[in-house]
Amino acid sequence: MTGDAAKAPDVRRDGEGYLVDPTDWSEDFARRVAVEEEIELTEEHWSVIRFMREWQEHHQVSPDARHVMKHLTAEFGATRNRLFELFPYGYVRQACKIAGMRRPRVWSTG
């Protein structure tokens, strides 16, 4: 790891790498996890991450993937598949982890 990602403070994560406390999230944390997941964060990734963080703050729950897909369509004219192109190993495994969400117990991908 290099740059800001290497400087991110250590935070408590569960056995799968999700934050134990989502309030510990920072952009440096996101960069660190993105490196671990072999994802180079682009403007679209950051838009998704910020949308997810704002949704969680407002609704006190992680957004369902269908809401994130609607966001991508509205912001970038993206198709439904774009979310899975950005996070090829899955919304829960990569997007939720990078955005600092807790690991969902049950999940609908929309």
PDB file of N, CA and C in Angstrom:
ATOM      1  N   MET A   1       0.837  -1.182   0.000  1.00  0.00           N
ATOM      2  CA  MET A   1       0.000   0.000   0.000  1.00  0.00           C
ATOM      3  C   MET A   1       0.881   1.243   0.000  1.00  0.00           C
ATOM      4  N   THR A   2       0.422   2.246  -0.733  1.00  0.00           N
ATOM      5  CA  THR A   2       1.181   3.477  -0.781  1.00  0.00           C
ATOM      6  C   THR A   2       0.271   4.658  -0.554  1.00  0.00           C
ATOM      7  N   GLY A   3       0.871   5.824  -0.362  1.00  0.00           N
ATOM      8  CA  GLY A   3       0.097   7.067  -0.275  1.00  0.00           C
ATOM      9  C   GLY A   3      -0.827   7.110   0.914  1.00  0.00           C
ATOM     10  N   ASP A   4      -1.965   7.803   0.737  1.00  0.00           N
ATOM     11  CA  ASP A   4      -2.918   8.006   1.821  1.00  0.00           C
ATOM     12  C   ASP A   4      -3.483   6.697   2.356  1.00  0.00           C
ATOM     13  N   ALA A   5      -3.662   5.715   1.503  1.00  0.00           N
ATOM     14  CA  ALA A   5      -4.240   4.453   1.947  1.00  0.00           C
ATOM     15  C   ALA A   5      -3.377   3.806   3.019  1.00  0.00           C
ATOM     16  N   ALA A   6      -2.060   3.907   2.899  1.00  0.00           N
ATOM     17  CA  ALA A   6      -1.166   3.312   3.880  1.00  0.00           C
ATOM     18  C   ALA A   6      -1.210   4.067   5.203  1.00  0.00           C
ATOM     19  N   LYS A   7      -1.627   5.330   5.199  1.00  0.00           N
ATOM     20  CA  LYS A   7      -1.653   6.153   6.394  1.00  0.00           C
ATOM     21  C   LYS A   7      -2.978   6.080   7.146  1.00  0.00           C
ATOM     22  N   ALA A   8      -3.950   5.364   6.604  1.00  0.00           N
ATOM     23  CA  ALA A   8      -5.271   5.297   7.236  1.00  0.00           C
ATOM     24  C   ALA A   8      -5.138   4.699   8.634  1.00  0.00           C
ATOM     25  N   PRO A   9      -5.804   5.292   9.619  1.00  0.00           N
ATOM     26  CA  PRO A   9      -5.702   4.763  10.977  1.00  0.00           C
ATOM     27  C   PRO A   9      -6.353   3.390  11.067  1.00  0.00           C
ATOM     28  N   ASP A  10      -5.812   2.573  11.956  1.00  0.00           N
ATOM     29  CA  ASP A  10      -6.405   1.263  12.177  1.00  0.00           C
ATOM     30  C   ASP A  10      -7.736   1.433  12.888  1.00  0.00           C
ATOM     31  N   VAL A  11      -8.722   0.701  12.439  1.00  0.00           N
ATOM     32  CA  VAL A  11     -10.045   0.703  13.047  1.00  0.00           C
ATOM     33  C   VAL A  11     -10.462  -0.746  13.235  1.00  0.00           C
ATOM     34  N   ARG A  12     -11.410  -0.966  14.126  1.00  0.00           N
ATOM     35  CA  ARG A  12     -11.871  -2.332  14.385  1.00  0.00           C
ATOM     36  C   ARG A  12     -12.721  -2.832  13.228  1.00  0.00           C
ATOM     37  N   ARG A  13     -12.347  -4.022  12.742  1.00  0.00           N
ATOM     38  CA  ARG A  13     -13.081  -4.681  11.662  1.00  0.00           C
ATOM     39  C   ARG A  13     -13.424  -6.089  12.109  1.00  0.00           C
ATOM     40  N   ASP A  14     -14.525  -6.612  11.575  1.00  0.00           N
ATOM     41  CA  ASP A  14     -14.892  -7.982  11.911  1.00  0.00           C
ATOM     42  C   ASP A  14     -14.021  -8.955  11.118  1.00  0.00           C
ATOM     43  N   GLY A  15     -14.293 -10.237  11.260  1.00  0.00           N
ATOM     44  CA  GLY A  15     -13.485 -11.265  10.612  1.00  0.00           C
ATOM     45  C   GLY A  15     -13.516 -11.232   9.100  1.00  0.00           C
ATOM     46  N   GLU A  16     -14.539 -10.597   8.524  1.00  0.00           N
ATOM     47  CA  GLU A  16     -14.639 -10.483   7.070  1.00  0.00           C
ATOM     48  C   GLU A  16     -14.143  -9.135   6.553  1.00  0.00           C
ATOM     49  N   GLY A  17     -13.716  -8.262   7.441  1.00  0.00           N
ATOM     50  CA  GLY A  17     -13.154  -6.975   7.038  1.00  0.00           C
ATOM     51  C   GLY A  17     -14.110  -5.803   7.067  1.00  0.00           C
ATOM     52  N   TYR A  18     -15.344  -6.007   7.533  1.00  0.00           N
ATOM     53  CA  TYR A  18     -16.315  -4.915   7.629  1.00  0.00           C
ATOM     54  C   TYR A  18     -16.072  -4.141   8.920  1.00  0.00           C
ATOM     55  N   LEU A  19     -16.365  -2.847   8.884  1.00  0.00           N
ATOM     56  CA  LEU A  19     -16.219  -2.041  10.094  1.00  0.00           C
ATOM     57  C   LEU A  19     -17.155  -2.543  11.185  1.00  0.00           C
ATOM     58  N   VAL A  20     -16.660  -2.570  12.403  1.00  0.00           N
ATOM     59  CA  VAL A  20     -17.502  -2.905  13.551  1.00  0.00           C
ATOM     60  C   VAL A  20     -18.395  -1.702  13.868  1.00  0.00           C
ATOM     61  N   ASP A  21     -17.829  -0.508  13.761  1.00  0.00           N
ATOM     62  CA  ASP A  21     -18.574   0.727  14.017  1.00  0.00           C
ATOM     63  C   ASP A  21     -18.487   1.607  12.772  1.00  0.00           C
ATOM     64  N   PRO A  22     -19.580   1.729  12.007  1.00  0.00           N
ATOM     65  CA  PRO A  22     -19.552   2.518  10.768  1.00  0.00           C
ATOM     66  C   PRO A  22     -19.151   3.984  10.969  1.00  0.00           C
ATOM     67  N   THR A  23     -19.239   4.496  12.184  1.00  0.00           N
ATOM     68  CA  THR A  23     -18.817   5.883  12.418  1.00  0.00           C
ATOM     69  C   THR A  23     -17.290   6.014  12.391  1.00  0.00           C
ATOM     70  N   ASP A  24     -16.572   4.899  12.388  1.00  0.00           N
ATOM     71  CA  ASP A  24     -15.107   4.925  12.270  1.00  0.00           C
ATOM     72  C   ASP A  24     -14.653   5.123  10.821  1.00  0.00           C
ATOM     73  N   TRP A  25     -15.599   5.125   9.879  1.00  0.00           N
ATOM     74  CA  TRP A  25     -15.264   5.227   8.458  1.00  0.00           C
ATOM     75  C   TRP A  25     -14.603   6.570   8.136  1.00  0.00           C
ATOM     76  N   SER A  26     -13.687   6.527   7.188  1.00  0.00           N
ATOM     77  CA  SER A  26     -13.066   7.733   6.630  1.00  0.00           C
ATOM     78  C   SER A  26     -12.721   7.442   5.172  1.00  0.00           C
ATOM     79  N   GLU A  27     -12.430   8.483   4.426  1.00  0.00           N
ATOM     80  CA  GLU A  27     -12.019   8.267   3.034  1.00  0.00           C
ATOM     81  C   GLU A  27     -10.711   7.482   2.977  1.00  0.00           C
ATOM     82  N   ASP A  28      -9.841   7.690   3.953  1.00  0.00           N
ATOM     83  CA  ASP A  28      -8.605   6.903   3.991  1.00  0.00           C
ATOM     84  C   ASP A  28      -8.906   5.416   4.190  1.00  0.00           C
ATOM     85  N   PHE A  29      -9.891   5.123   5.036  1.00  0.00           N
ATOM     86  CA  PHE A  29     -10.302   3.729   5.212  1.00  0.00           C
ATOM     87  C   PHE A  29     -10.789   3.157   3.886  1.00  0.00           C
ATOM     88  N   ALA A  30     -11.622   3.925   3.177  1.00  0.00           N
ATOM     89  CA  ALA A  30     -12.140   3.471   1.880  1.00  0.00           C
ATOM     90  C   ALA A  30     -11.000   3.188   0.909  1.00  0.00           C
ATOM     91  N   ARG A  31     -10.024   4.065   0.882  1.00  0.00           N
ATOM     92  CA  ARG A  31      -8.871   3.854  -0.015  1.00  0.00           C
ATOM     93  C   ARG A  31      -8.125   2.573   0.353  1.00  0.00           C
ATOM     94  N   ARG A  32      -7.948   2.341   1.646  1.00  0.00           N
ATOM     95  CA  ARG A  32      -7.225   1.151   2.104  1.00  0.00           C
ATOM     96  C   ARG A  32      -7.975  -0.118   1.683  1.00  0.00           C
ATOM     97  N   VAL A  33      -9.268  -0.154   1.917  1.00  0.00           N
ATOM     98  CA  VAL A  33     -10.051  -1.351   1.581  1.00  0.00           C
ATOM     99  C   VAL A  33     -10.117  -1.533   0.068  1.00  0.00           C
ATOM    100  N   ALA A  34     -10.212  -0.440  -0.666  1.00  0.00           N
ATOM    101  CA  ALA A  34     -10.222  -0.538  -2.130  1.00  0.00           C
ATOM    102  C   ALA A  34      -8.931  -1.185  -2.628  1.00  0.00           C
ATOM    103  N   VAL A  35      -7.807  -0.832  -2.039  1.00  0.00           N
ATOM    104  CA  VAL A  35      -6.538  -1.458  -2.415  1.00  0.00           C
ATOM    105  C   VAL A  35      -6.592  -2.951  -2.107  1.00  0.00           C
ATOM    106  N   GLU A  36      -7.109  -3.300  -0.932  1.00  0.00           N
ATOM    107  CA  GLU A  36      -7.240  -4.722  -0.568  1.00  0.00           C
ATOM    108  C   GLU A  36      -8.128  -5.473  -1.554  1.00  0.00           C
ATOM    109  N   GLU A  37      -9.161  -4.807  -2.039  1.00  0.00           N
ATOM    110  CA  GLU A  37     -10.108  -5.418  -2.978  1.00  0.00           C
ATOM    111  C   GLU A  37      -9.666  -5.271  -4.437  1.00  0.00           C
ATOM    112  N   GLU A  38      -8.515  -4.653  -4.648  1.00  0.00           N
ATOM    113  CA  GLU A  38      -7.951  -4.430  -5.981  1.00  0.00           C
ATOM    114  C   GLU A  38      -8.872  -3.602  -6.869  1.00  0.00           C
ATOM    115  N   ILE A  39      -9.430  -2.549  -6.272  1.00  0.00           N
ATOM    116  CA  ILE A  39     -10.294  -1.616  -6.990  1.00  0.00           C
ATOM    117  C   ILE A  39      -9.635  -0.249  -6.987  1.00  0.00           C
ATOM    118  N   GLU A  40      -9.506   0.332  -8.172  1.00  0.00           N
ATOM    119  CA  GLU A  40      -9.006   1.695  -8.293  1.00  0.00           C
ATOM    120  C   GLU A  40     -10.219   2.616  -8.280  1.00  0.00           C
ATOM    121  N   LEU A  41     -10.347   3.406  -7.225  1.00  0.00           N
ATOM    122  CA  LEU A  41     -11.531   4.242  -7.045  1.00  0.00           C
ATOM    123  C   LEU A  41     -11.583   5.376  -8.063  1.00  0.00           C
ATOM    124  N   THR A  42     -12.724   5.446  -8.766  1.00  0.00           N
ATOM    125  CA  THR A  42     -12.981   6.480  -9.761  1.00  0.00           C
ATOM    126  C   THR A  42     -14.061   7.419  -9.233  1.00  0.00           C
ATOM    127  N   GLU A  43     -14.401   8.416 -10.028  1.00  0.00           N
ATOM    128  CA  GLU A  43     -15.477   9.337  -9.664  1.00  0.00           C
ATOM    129  C   GLU A  43     -16.785   8.578  -9.414  1.00  0.00           C
ATOM    130  N   GLU A  44     -17.066   7.571 -10.240  1.00  0.00           N
ATOM    131  CA  GLU A  44     -18.290   6.780 -10.055  1.00  0.00           C
ATOM    132  C   GLU A  44     -18.264   6.009  -8.737  1.00  0.00           C
ATOM    133  N   HIS A  45     -17.125   5.413  -8.406  1.00  0.00           N
ATOM    134  CA  HIS A  45     -17.009   4.705  -7.128  1.00  0.00           C
ATOM    135  C   HIS A  45     -17.282   5.655  -5.973  1.00  0.00           C
ATOM    136  N   TRP A  46     -16.629   6.823  -5.999  1.00  0.00           N
ATOM    137  CA  TRP A  46     -16.806   7.784  -4.910  1.00  0.00           C
ATOM    138  C   TRP A  46     -18.247   8.267  -4.830  1.00  0.00           C
ATOM    139  N   SER A  47     -18.907   8.419  -5.965  1.00  0.00           N
ATOM    140  CA  SER A  47     -20.307   8.824  -5.964  1.00  0.00           C
ATOM    141  C   SER A  47     -21.162   7.770  -5.259  1.00  0.00           C
ATOM    142  N   VAL A  48     -20.913   6.509  -5.561  1.00  0.00           N
ATOM    143  CA  VAL A  48     -21.632   5.411  -4.908  1.00  0.00           C
ATOM    144  C   VAL A  48     -21.346   5.416  -3.411  1.00  0.00           C
ATOM    145  N   ILE A  49     -20.089   5.510  -3.042  1.00  0.00           N
ATOM    146  CA  ILE A  49     -19.692   5.476  -1.634  1.00  0.00           C
ATOM    147  C   ILE A  49     -20.340   6.626  -0.861  1.00  0.00           C
ATOM    148  N   ARG A  50     -20.283   7.814  -1.415  1.00  0.00           N
ATOM    149  CA  ARG A  50     -20.878   8.971  -0.722  1.00  0.00           C
ATOM    150  C   ARG A  50     -22.401   8.851  -0.638  1.00  0.00           C
ATOM    151  N   PHE A  51     -23.022   8.351  -1.705  1.00  0.00           N
ATOM    152  CA  PHE A  51     -24.466   8.116  -1.674  1.00  0.00           C
ATOM    153  C   PHE A  51     -24.810   7.135  -0.554  1.00  0.00           C
ATOM    154  N   MET A  52     -24.067   6.044  -0.472  1.00  0.00           N
ATOM    155  CA  MET A  52     -24.318   5.037   0.559  1.00  0.00           C
ATOM    156  C   MET A  52     -24.157   5.619   1.960  1.00  0.00           C
ATOM    157  N   ARG A  53     -23.115   6.411   2.165  1.00  0.00           N
ATOM    158  CA  ARG A  53     -22.879   7.024   3.474  1.00  0.00           C
ATOM    159  C   ARG A  53     -24.021   7.976   3.843  1.00  0.00           C
ATOM    160  N   GLU A  54     -24.442   8.796   2.884  1.00  0.00           N
ATOM    161  CA  GLU A  54     -25.536   9.735   3.141  1.00  0.00           C
ATOM    162  C   GLU A  54     -26.836   8.996   3.419  1.00  0.00           C
ATOM    163  N   TRP A  55     -27.101   7.927   2.654  1.00  0.00           N
ATOM    164  CA  TRP A  55     -28.316   7.135   2.859  1.00  0.00           C
ATOM    165  C   TRP A  55     -28.313   6.564   4.278  1.00  0.00           C
ATOM    166  N   GLN A  56     -27.194   5.980   4.677  1.00  0.00           N
ATOM    167  CA  GLN A  56     -27.107   5.375   6.006  1.00  0.00           C
ATOM    168  C   GLN A  56     -27.317   6.427   7.097  1.00  0.00           C
ATOM    169  N   GLU A  57     -26.720   7.591   6.914  1.00  0.00           N
ATOM    170  CA  GLU A  57     -26.875   8.653   7.906  1.00  0.00           C
ATOM    171  C   GLU A  57     -28.337   9.089   8.015  1.00  0.00           C
ATOM    172  N   HIS A  58     -29.004   9.202   6.890  1.00  0.00           N
ATOM    173  CA  HIS A  58     -30.394   9.676   6.883  1.00  0.00           C
ATOM    174  C   HIS A  58     -31.389   8.610   7.346  1.00  0.00           C
ATOM    175  N   HIS A  59     -31.202   7.344   6.892  1.00  0.00           N
ATOM    176  CA  HIS A  59     -32.166   6.276   7.153  1.00  0.00           C
ATOM    177  C   HIS A  59     -31.753   5.325   8.276  1.00  0.00           C
ATOM    178  N   GLN A  60     -30.532   5.448   8.754  1.00  0.00           N
ATOM    179  CA  GLN A  60     -29.995   4.571   9.803  1.00  0.00           C
ATOM    180  C   GLN A  60     -29.937   3.101   9.381  1.00  0.00           C
ATOM    181  N   VAL A  61     -29.802   2.897   8.079  1.00  0.00           N
ATOM    182  CA  VAL A  61     -29.673   1.543   7.527  1.00  0.00           C
ATOM    183  C   VAL A  61     -28.919   1.660   6.206  1.00  0.00           C
ATOM    184  N   SER A  62     -28.212   0.613   5.842  1.00  0.00           N
ATOM    185  CA  SER A  62     -27.499   0.610   4.565  1.00  0.00           C
ATOM    186  C   SER A  62     -28.501   0.583   3.414  1.00  0.00           C
ATOM    187  N   PRO A  63     -28.205   1.280   2.326  1.00  0.00           N
ATOM    188  CA  PRO A  63     -29.138   1.266   1.195  1.00  0.00           C
ATOM    189  C   PRO A  63     -29.127  -0.078   0.474  1.00  0.00           C
ATOM    190  N   ASP A  64     -30.278  -0.465   0.009  1.00  0.00           N
ATOM    191  CA  ASP A  64     -30.393  -1.650  -0.826  1.00  0.00           C
ATOM    192  C   ASP A  64     -29.736  -1.332  -2.179  1.00  0.00           C
ATOM    193  N   ALA A  65     -29.201  -2.330  -2.825  1.00  0.00           N
ATOM    194  CA  ALA A  65     -28.506  -2.133  -4.103  1.00  0.00           C
ATOM    195  C   ALA A  65     -29.374  -1.419  -5.133  1.00  0.00           C
ATOM    196  N   ARG A  66     -30.677  -1.662  -5.129  1.00  0.00           N
ATOM    197  CA  ARG A  66     -31.551  -1.032  -6.133  1.00  0.00           C
ATOM    198  C   ARG A  66     -31.556   0.489  -6.005  1.00  0.00           C
ATOM    199  N   HIS A  67     -31.402   0.997  -4.780  1.00  0.00           N
ATOM    200  CA  HIS A  67     -31.336   2.448  -4.587  1.00  0.00           C
ATOM    201  C   HIS A  67     -30.025   3.004  -5.150  1.00  0.00           C
ATOM    202  N   VAL A  68     -28.964   2.243  -4.976  1.00  0.00           N
ATOM    203  CA  VAL A  68     -27.664   2.665  -5.504  1.00  0.00           C
ATOM    204  C   VAL A  68     -27.683   2.627  -7.030  1.00  0.00           C
ATOM    205  N   MET A  69     -28.337   1.625  -7.601  1.00  0.00           N
ATOM    206  CA  MET A  69     -28.464   1.544  -9.058  1.00  0.00           C
ATOM    207  C   MET A  69     -29.231   2.750  -9.597  1.00  0.00           C
ATOM    208  N   LYS A  70     -30.305   3.134  -8.921  1.00  0.00           N
ATOM    209  CA  LYS A  70     -31.071   4.318  -9.334  1.00  0.00           C
ATOM    210  C   LYS A  70     -30.203   5.568  -9.258  1.00  0.00           C
ATOM    211  N   HIS A  71     -29.383   5.666  -8.230  1.00  0.00           N
ATOM    212  CA  HIS A  71     -28.464   6.795  -8.091  1.00  0.00           C
ATOM    213  C   HIS A  71     -27.486   6.850  -9.266  1.00  0.00           C
ATOM    214  N   LEU A  72     -26.892   5.717  -9.611  1.00  0.00           N
ATOM    215  CA  LEU A  72     -25.946   5.663 -10.731  1.00  0.00           C
ATOM    216  C   LEU A  72     -26.614   6.057 -12.043  1.00  0.00           C
ATOM    217  N   THR A  73     -27.837   5.626 -12.230  1.00  0.00           N
ATOM    218  CA  THR A  73     -28.584   5.975 -13.441  1.00  0.00           C
ATOM    219  C   THR A  73     -28.837   7.481 -13.485  1.00  0.00           C
ATOM    220  N   ALA A  74     -29.263   8.043 -12.362  1.00  0.00           N
ATOM    221  CA  ALA A  74     -29.555   9.485 -12.309  1.00  0.00           C
ATOM    222  C   ALA A  74     -28.294  10.330 -12.479  1.00  0.00           C
ATOM    223  N   GLU A  75     -27.201   9.921 -11.877  1.00  0.00           N
ATOM    224  CA  GLU A  75     -25.967  10.705 -11.903  1.00  0.00           C
ATOM    225  C   GLU A  75     -25.156  10.530 -13.183  1.00  0.00           C
ATOM    226  N   PHE A  76     -25.123   9.307 -13.705  1.00  0.00           N
ATOM    227  CA  PHE A  76     -24.214   9.005 -14.815  1.00  0.00           C
ATOM    228  C   PHE A  76     -24.900   8.399 -16.040  1.00  0.00           C
ATOM    229  N   GLY A  77     -26.215   8.210 -15.968  1.00  0.00           N
ATOM    230  CA  GLY A  77     -26.911   7.549 -17.068  1.00  0.00           C
ATOM    231  C   GLY A  77     -26.534   6.085 -17.183  1.00  0.00           C
ATOM    232  N   ALA A  78     -26.077   5.516 -16.083  1.00  0.00           N
ATOM    233  CA  ALA A  78     -25.586   4.141 -16.074  1.00  0.00           C
ATOM    234  C   ALA A  78     -26.718   3.136 -16.163  1.00  0.00           C
ATOM    235  N   THR A  79     -26.410   1.964 -16.692  1.00  0.00           N
ATOM    236  CA  THR A  79     -27.368   0.862 -16.713  1.00  0.00           C
ATOM    237  C   THR A  79     -27.316   0.134 -15.374  1.00  0.00           C
ATOM    238  N   ARG A  80     -28.284  -0.725 -15.186  1.00  0.00           N
ATOM    239  CA  ARG A  80     -28.395  -1.505 -13.950  1.00  0.00           C
ATOM    240  C   ARG A  80     -27.114  -2.292 -13.652  1.00  0.00           C
ATOM    241  N   ASN A  81     -26.439  -2.761 -14.671  1.00  0.00           N
ATOM    242  CA  ASN A  81     -25.238  -3.577 -14.476  1.00  0.00           C
ATOM    243  C   ASN A  81     -24.013  -2.785 -14.039  1.00  0.00           C
ATOM    244  N   ARG A  82     -24.062  -1.477 -14.152  1.00  0.00           N
ATOM    245  CA  ARG A  82     -22.868  -0.674 -13.848  1.00  0.00           C
ATOM    246  C   ARG A  82     -22.395  -0.883 -12.418  1.00  0.00           C
ATOM    247  N   LEU A  83     -23.294  -1.018 -11.478  1.00  0.00           N
ATOM    248  CA  LEU A  83     -22.899  -1.227 -10.084  1.00  0.00           C
ATOM    249  C   LEU A  83     -22.001  -2.459  -9.969  1.00  0.00           C
ATOM    250  N   PHE A  84     -22.358  -3.501 -10.709  1.00  0.00           N
ATOM    251  CA  PHE A  84     -21.591  -4.745 -10.634  1.00  0.00           C
ATOM    252  C   PHE A  84     -20.330  -4.704 -11.489  1.00  0.00           C
ATOM    253  N   GLU A  85     -20.248  -3.760 -12.402  1.00  0.00           N
ATOM    254  CA  GLU A  85     -18.988  -3.524 -13.115  1.00  0.00           C
ATOM    255  C   GLU A  85     -18.022  -2.773 -12.196  1.00  0.00           C
ATOM    256  N   LEU A  86     -18.543  -1.847 -11.421  1.00  0.00           N
ATOM    257  CA  LEU A  86     -17.700  -1.086 -10.491  1.00  0.00           C
ATOM    258  C   LEU A  86     -17.204  -1.959  -9.341  1.00  0.00           C
ATOM    259  N   PHE A  87     -18.072  -2.860  -8.885  1.00  0.00           N
ATOM    260  CA  PHE A  87     -17.752  -3.740  -7.757  1.00  0.00           C
ATOM    261  C   PHE A  87     -17.993  -5.180  -8.200  1.00  0.00           C
ATOM    262  N   PRO A  88     -17.034  -5.740  -8.954  1.00  0.00           N
ATOM    263  CA  PRO A  88     -17.252  -7.036  -9.619  1.00  0.00           C
ATOM    264  C   PRO A  88     -17.453  -8.225  -8.685  1.00  0.00           C
ATOM    265  N   TYR A  89     -16.999  -8.139  -7.449  1.00  0.00           N
ATOM    266  CA  TYR A  89     -17.202  -9.254  -6.521  1.00  0.00           C
ATOM    267  C   TYR A  89     -18.439  -9.056  -5.665  1.00  0.00           C
ATOM    268  N   GLY A  90     -19.264  -8.074  -6.041  1.00  0.00           N
ATOM    269  CA  GLY A  90     -20.555  -7.927  -5.389  1.00  0.00           C
ATOM    270  C   GLY A  90     -20.713  -6.660  -4.578  1.00  0.00           C
ATOM    271  N   TYR A  91     -21.948  -6.232  -4.537  1.00  0.00           N
ATOM    272  CA  TYR A  91     -22.310  -5.024  -3.807  1.00  0.00           C
ATOM    273  C   TYR A  91     -21.994  -5.167  -2.324  1.00  0.00           C
ATOM    274  N   VAL A  92     -22.413  -6.278  -1.728  1.00  0.00           N
ATOM    275  CA  VAL A  92     -22.179  -6.466  -0.298  1.00  0.00           C
ATOM    276  C   VAL A  92     -20.694  -6.652  -0.019  1.00  0.00           C
ATOM    277  N   ARG A  93     -20.044  -7.514  -0.755  1.00  0.00           N
ATOM    278  CA  ARG A  93     -18.640  -7.841  -0.467  1.00  0.00           C
ATOM    279  C   ARG A  93     -17.711  -6.651  -0.675  1.00  0.00           C
ATOM    280  N   GLN A  94     -17.952  -5.839  -1.698  1.00  0.00           N
ATOM    281  CA  GLN A  94     -17.016  -4.755  -1.977  1.00  0.00           C
ATOM    282  C   GLN A  94     -17.584  -3.376  -1.671  1.00  0.00           C
ATOM    283  N   ALA A  95     -18.708  -3.013  -2.232  1.00  0.00           N
ATOM    284  CA  ALA A  95     -19.225  -1.652  -2.042  1.00  0.00           C
ATOM    285  C   ALA A  95     -19.541  -1.390  -0.575  1.00  0.00           C
ATOM    286  N   CYS A  96     -20.246  -2.311   0.061  1.00  0.00           N
ATOM    287  CA  CYS A  96     -20.599  -2.102   1.471  1.00  0.00           C
ATOM    288  C   CYS A  96     -19.357  -2.049   2.354  1.00  0.00           C
ATOM    289  N   LYS A  97     -18.405  -2.881   2.058  1.00  0.00           N
ATOM    290  CA  LYS A  97     -17.177  -2.911   2.862  1.00  0.00           C
ATOM    291  C   LYS A  97     -16.395  -1.611   2.694  1.00  0.00           C
ATOM    292  N   ILE A  98     -16.210  -1.168   1.463  1.00  0.00           N
ATOM    293  CA  ILE A  98     -15.446   0.062   1.200  1.00  0.00           C
ATOM    294  C   ILE A  98     -16.162   1.279   1.772  1.00  0.00           C
ATOM    295  N   ALA A  99     -17.490   1.287   1.711  1.00  0.00           N
ATOM    296  CA  ALA A  99     -18.279   2.423   2.222  1.00  0.00           C
ATOM    297  C   ALA A  99     -18.435   2.392   3.739  1.00  0.00           C
ATOM    298  N   GLY A 100     -17.914   1.363   4.380  1.00  0.00           N
ATOM    299  CA  GLY A 100     -17.934   1.313   5.837  1.00  0.00           C
ATOM    300  C   GLY A 100     -19.240   0.851   6.446  1.00  0.00           C
ATOM    301  N   MET A 101     -20.021   0.079   5.688  1.00  0.00           N
ATOM    302  CA  MET A 101     -21.267  -0.474   6.217  1.00  0.00           C
ATOM    303  C   MET A 101     -20.953  -1.717   7.044  1.00  0.00           C
ATOM    304  N   ARG A 102     -21.822  -2.039   7.988  1.00  0.00           N
ATOM    305  CA  ARG A 102     -21.708  -3.325   8.666  1.00  0.00           C
ATOM    306  C   ARG A 102     -22.125  -4.421   7.684  1.00  0.00           C
ATOM    307  N   ARG A 103     -21.658  -5.621   7.892  1.00  0.00           N
ATOM    308  CA  ARG A 103     -22.037  -6.763   7.044  1.00  0.00           C
ATOM    309  C   ARG A 103     -23.523  -7.024   7.253  1.00  0.00           C
ATOM    310  N   PRO A 104     -24.328  -6.900   6.185  1.00  0.00           N
ATOM    311  CA  PRO A 104     -25.758  -7.156   6.321  1.00  0.00           C
ATOM    312  C   PRO A 104     -26.019  -8.634   6.648  1.00  0.00           C
ATOM    313  N   ARG A 105     -27.034  -8.883   7.465  1.00  0.00           N
ATOM    314  CA  ARG A 105     -27.403 -10.276   7.801  1.00  0.00           C
ATOM    315  C   ARG A 105     -28.212 -10.874   6.652  1.00  0.00           C
ATOM    316  N   VAL A 106     -29.147 -10.104   6.131  1.00  0.00           N
ATOM    317  CA  VAL A 106     -29.982 -10.531   5.011  1.00  0.00           C
ATOM    318  C   VAL A 106     -29.946  -9.400   4.009  1.00  0.00           C
ATOM    319  N   TRP A 107     -29.890  -9.743   2.738  1.00  0.00           N
ATOM    320  CA  TRP A 107     -29.731  -8.677   1.747  1.00  0.00           C
ATOM    321  C   TRP A 107     -30.534  -8.965   0.493  1.00  0.00           C
ATOM    322  N   SER A 108     -31.169  -7.945  -0.008  1.00  0.00           N
ATOM    323  CA  SER A 108     -31.820  -8.015  -1.314  1.00  0.00           C
ATOM    324  C   SER A 108     -31.003  -7.158  -2.262  1.00  0.00           C
ATOM    325  N   THR A 109     -30.707  -7.656  -3.434  1.00  0.00           N
ATOM    326  CA  THR A 109     -29.908  -6.870  -4.379  1.00  0.00           C
ATOM    327  C   THR A 109     -30.789  -6.083  -5.325  1.00  0.00           C
ATOM    328  N   GLY A 110     -32.091  -6.075  -5.085  1.00  0.00           N
ATOM    329  CA  GLY A 110     -32.996  -5.275  -5.918  1.00  0.00           C
ATOM    330  C   GLY A 110     -33.314  -6.013  -7.135  1.00  0.00           C
TER     331      GLY A 110
END
